[in-house]
Amino acid sequence: MTADPHRRGDWLPYSPSGASKPVARLYDYWASKKAGPDDLPTREDIRPEEIKSLLPYIWLLDFDRPSRSFRYRLIGTAVVDGVGQDHTGHTLADCYPSAGALEVATRSLLNLMETGRPIWRRGMPMFHHHTEVQVLENLALPLAEDRRLPDRILGLTLFYDSQDKVYLPGVLRAR
């Protein structure tokens, strides 16, 4: 049985064939920062000024290997507005107490931390989001301080409306 990217919770190995241009752009940027084919970029390799137009949609998760938990280090303004609150500094478990969705998300992210391979999904929100959001597109990319063992995730979330157009949460619509 193959995963359906439009179902809630199906994460797939990243492939440019189904990805939007912003997602492909972040993936290509991340790949360009790898020191070698088997190396992962570090957080220091990621230069915000080089991906300025994507910053509102970017998030960073720190991974605590002993507890196998994730904590938001940074969340872009479009993501905060789309979700309805700023989860910076909080763990996934703190932010999303719904056991089912949390378990699916955590399992996918833990797999990313084990394999070091990017994952992508497009489908219904797994967690509560702004009411105008119909579909999300997520990309999760591993970062590793030692270039080998992932310790952070660089992510991107795009929100889509009922016409399948990128939805700009209020903070961006006002500009």
Protein backbone atom coordinates (compact mmCIF):
# COMPACT_ATOMS: atom_id res chain seq x y z
CA MET A 1 0.00 0.00 0.00
CA THR A 2 1.48 3.37 -0.99
CA ALA A 3 1.10 6.48 1.12
CA ASP A 4 -1.43 9.06 0.00
CA PRO A 5 -0.03 12.59 0.45
CA HIS A 6 -3.56 14.02 0.69
CA ARG A 7 -4.48 11.91 3.72
CA ARG A 8 -3.91 13.33 7.14
CA GLY A 9 -0.50 12.24 8.41
CA ASP A 10 1.11 10.54 5.43
CA TRP A 11 4.70 11.72 5.19
CA LEU A 12 6.67 10.60 2.14
CA PRO A 13 10.34 10.70 1.22
CA TYR A 14 10.87 14.06 -0.47
CA SER A 15 10.45 14.04 -4.24
CA PRO A 16 10.35 17.18 -6.38
CA SER A 17 7.56 15.73 -8.53
CA GLY A 18 4.74 16.62 -6.11
CA ALA A 19 6.31 19.60 -4.38
CA SER A 20 5.44 23.26 -4.88
CA LYS A 21 8.06 25.73 -6.08
CA PRO A 22 8.73 27.18 -2.59
CA VAL A 23 9.21 23.68 -1.16
CA ALA A 24 11.51 22.67 -4.03
CA ARG A 25 13.43 25.93 -3.56
CA LEU A 26 14.06 25.22 0.15
CA TYR A 27 15.03 21.62 -0.59
CA ASP A 28 17.49 22.72 -3.31
CA TYR A 29 18.93 25.37 -0.98
CA TRP A 30 19.36 22.77 1.81
CA ALA A 31 20.98 20.30 -0.62
CA SER A 32 23.40 22.99 -1.81
CA LYS A 33 24.65 23.40 1.78
CA LYS A 34 25.73 19.77 2.14
CA ALA A 35 29.53 19.45 2.37
CA GLY A 36 29.40 16.05 0.64
CA PRO A 37 26.84 13.56 -0.66
CA ASP A 38 26.52 11.78 2.70
CA ASP A 39 26.84 14.91 4.85
CA LEU A 40 24.03 16.99 6.29
CA PRO A 41 24.09 20.78 6.56
CA THR A 42 24.56 22.40 9.96
CA ARG A 43 22.33 25.14 11.37
CA GLU A 44 25.20 27.56 10.72
CA ASP A 45 25.15 26.65 7.01
CA ILE A 46 21.61 28.00 6.72
CA ARG A 47 21.80 31.75 6.06
CA PRO A 48 18.42 33.48 6.55
CA GLU A 49 19.33 36.28 4.14
CA GLU A 50 19.69 33.68 1.37
CA ILE A 51 16.10 32.44 1.76
CA LYS A 52 14.44 35.67 2.83
CA SER A 53 11.16 35.14 0.93
CA LEU A 54 10.68 31.75 2.62
CA LEU A 55 11.31 32.90 6.21
CA PRO A 56 7.64 33.48 7.13
CA TYR A 57 6.99 29.78 6.41
CA ILE A 58 10.11 28.36 8.10
CA TRP A 59 10.32 26.58 11.46
CA LEU A 60 13.14 24.91 13.36
CA LEU A 61 12.78 21.99 15.74
CA ASP A 62 15.49 20.94 18.17
CA PHE A 63 15.71 17.21 18.84
CA ASP A 64 16.53 15.90 22.30
CA ARG A 65 17.87 12.40 21.61
CA PRO A 66 17.64 11.02 25.20
CA SER A 67 13.96 11.92 25.58
CA ARG A 68 13.21 11.57 21.83
CA SER A 69 11.29 14.84 21.97
CA PHE A 70 11.12 17.89 19.72
CA ARG A 71 11.06 21.56 20.76
CA TYR A 72 10.31 24.54 18.53
CA ARG A 73 13.33 26.84 18.36
CA LEU A 74 11.88 29.21 15.76
CA ILE A 75 8.55 29.62 13.95
CA GLY A 76 7.96 32.00 11.03
CA THR A 77 5.25 34.65 11.16
CA ALA A 78 3.03 32.99 8.53
CA VAL A 79 3.12 29.71 10.46
CA VAL A 80 2.31 31.46 13.75
CA ASP A 81 -0.59 33.28 12.12
CA GLY A 82 -1.84 30.17 10.30
CA VAL A 83 -1.75 28.07 13.46
CA GLY A 84 -3.14 30.87 15.60
CA GLN A 85 -0.41 30.95 18.24
CA ASP A 86 3.36 31.03 18.66
CA HIS A 87 4.75 27.72 19.91
CA THR A 88 8.37 28.89 20.04
CA GLY A 89 10.13 27.27 23.00
CA HIS A 90 7.47 24.58 23.49
CA THR A 91 7.68 20.87 22.78
CA LEU A 92 5.43 19.18 20.24
CA ALA A 93 3.77 17.31 23.12
CA ASP A 94 3.02 20.64 24.88
CA CYS A 95 1.56 22.17 21.73
CA TYR A 96 -0.47 19.26 20.42
CA PRO A 97 -1.93 17.12 23.20
CA SER A 98 -4.08 15.08 20.78
CA ALA A 99 -2.39 11.70 21.17
CA GLY A 100 -3.21 10.33 17.71
CA ALA A 101 -1.92 13.23 15.63
CA LEU A 102 1.06 13.73 17.92
CA GLU A 103 2.00 10.06 17.62
CA VAL A 104 1.83 10.16 13.79
CA ALA A 105 3.88 13.36 13.59
CA THR A 106 6.45 12.17 16.13
CA ARG A 107 6.86 8.79 14.42
CA SER A 108 7.54 10.50 11.07
CA LEU A 109 10.00 12.98 12.58
CA LEU A 110 11.81 10.26 14.53
CA ASN A 111 12.20 8.31 11.30
CA LEU A 112 13.73 11.42 9.72
CA MET A 113 16.16 11.67 12.66
CA GLU A 114 17.16 8.02 12.19
CA THR A 115 17.55 8.06 8.41
CA GLY A 116 18.71 11.64 7.85
CA ARG A 117 16.45 11.78 4.78
CA PRO A 118 14.04 14.66 4.07
CA ILE A 119 10.31 14.05 4.24
CA TRP A 120 7.35 15.86 2.68
CA ARG A 121 3.60 15.82 2.92
CA ARG A 122 0.63 17.62 1.45
CA GLY A 123 -2.76 17.04 2.98
CA MET A 124 -5.21 17.94 5.68
CA PRO A 125 -3.77 19.64 8.76
CA MET A 126 -2.77 17.15 11.45
CA PHE A 127 -3.31 19.74 14.17
CA HIS A 128 -5.66 22.70 14.67
CA HIS A 129 -4.98 25.51 12.20
CA HIS A 130 -6.59 28.71 11.02
CA THR A 131 -10.13 28.04 9.79
CA GLU A 132 -9.43 29.19 6.20
CA VAL A 133 -6.70 26.58 5.79
CA GLN A 134 -7.89 23.54 3.83
CA VAL A 135 -4.58 21.84 3.04
CA LEU A 136 -1.00 22.10 4.24
CA GLU A 137 2.27 21.32 2.53
CA ASN A 138 5.18 20.50 4.81
CA LEU A 139 8.85 19.83 4.20
CA ALA A 140 11.15 18.58 6.97
CA LEU A 141 14.93 18.62 6.42
CA PRO A 142 17.53 17.24 8.83
CA LEU A 143 20.39 19.38 10.12
CA ALA A 144 23.38 17.97 12.02
CA GLU A 145 26.01 19.81 14.01
CA ASP A 146 28.52 17.04 13.23
CA ARG A 147 27.18 16.73 9.64
CA ARG A 148 26.22 13.09 10.33
CA LEU A 149 23.76 12.61 13.21
CA PRO A 150 20.64 14.81 12.85
CA ASP A 151 19.93 17.07 15.83
CA ARG A 152 17.56 19.65 14.31
CA ILE A 153 14.89 19.87 11.67
CA LEU A 154 14.55 22.76 9.25
CA GLY A 155 10.92 22.83 8.18
CA LEU A 156 8.58 24.75 5.94
CA THR A 157 4.78 24.90 6.06
CA LEU A 158 2.59 26.35 3.32
CA PHE A 159 -1.15 26.83 3.80
CA TYR A 160 -3.63 26.35 0.95
CA ASP A 161 -7.16 27.71 0.65
CA SER A 162 -10.24 26.07 -0.89
CA GLN A 163 -9.09 27.10 -4.40
CA ASP A 164 -5.74 25.35 -3.83
CA LYS A 165 -3.86 28.65 -3.78
CA VAL A 166 -1.22 29.45 -1.20
CA TYR A 167 -3.08 31.08 1.63
CA LEU A 168 -1.36 34.09 3.10
CA PRO A 169 -2.19 34.34 6.79
CA GLY A 170 -3.23 37.76 8.10
CA VAL A 171 0.24 39.09 8.86
CA LEU A 172 1.23 38.68 5.19
CA ARG A 173 -2.14 39.69 3.69
CA ALA A 174 -1.85 43.06 5.45
CA ARG A 175 1.38 43.94 3.64
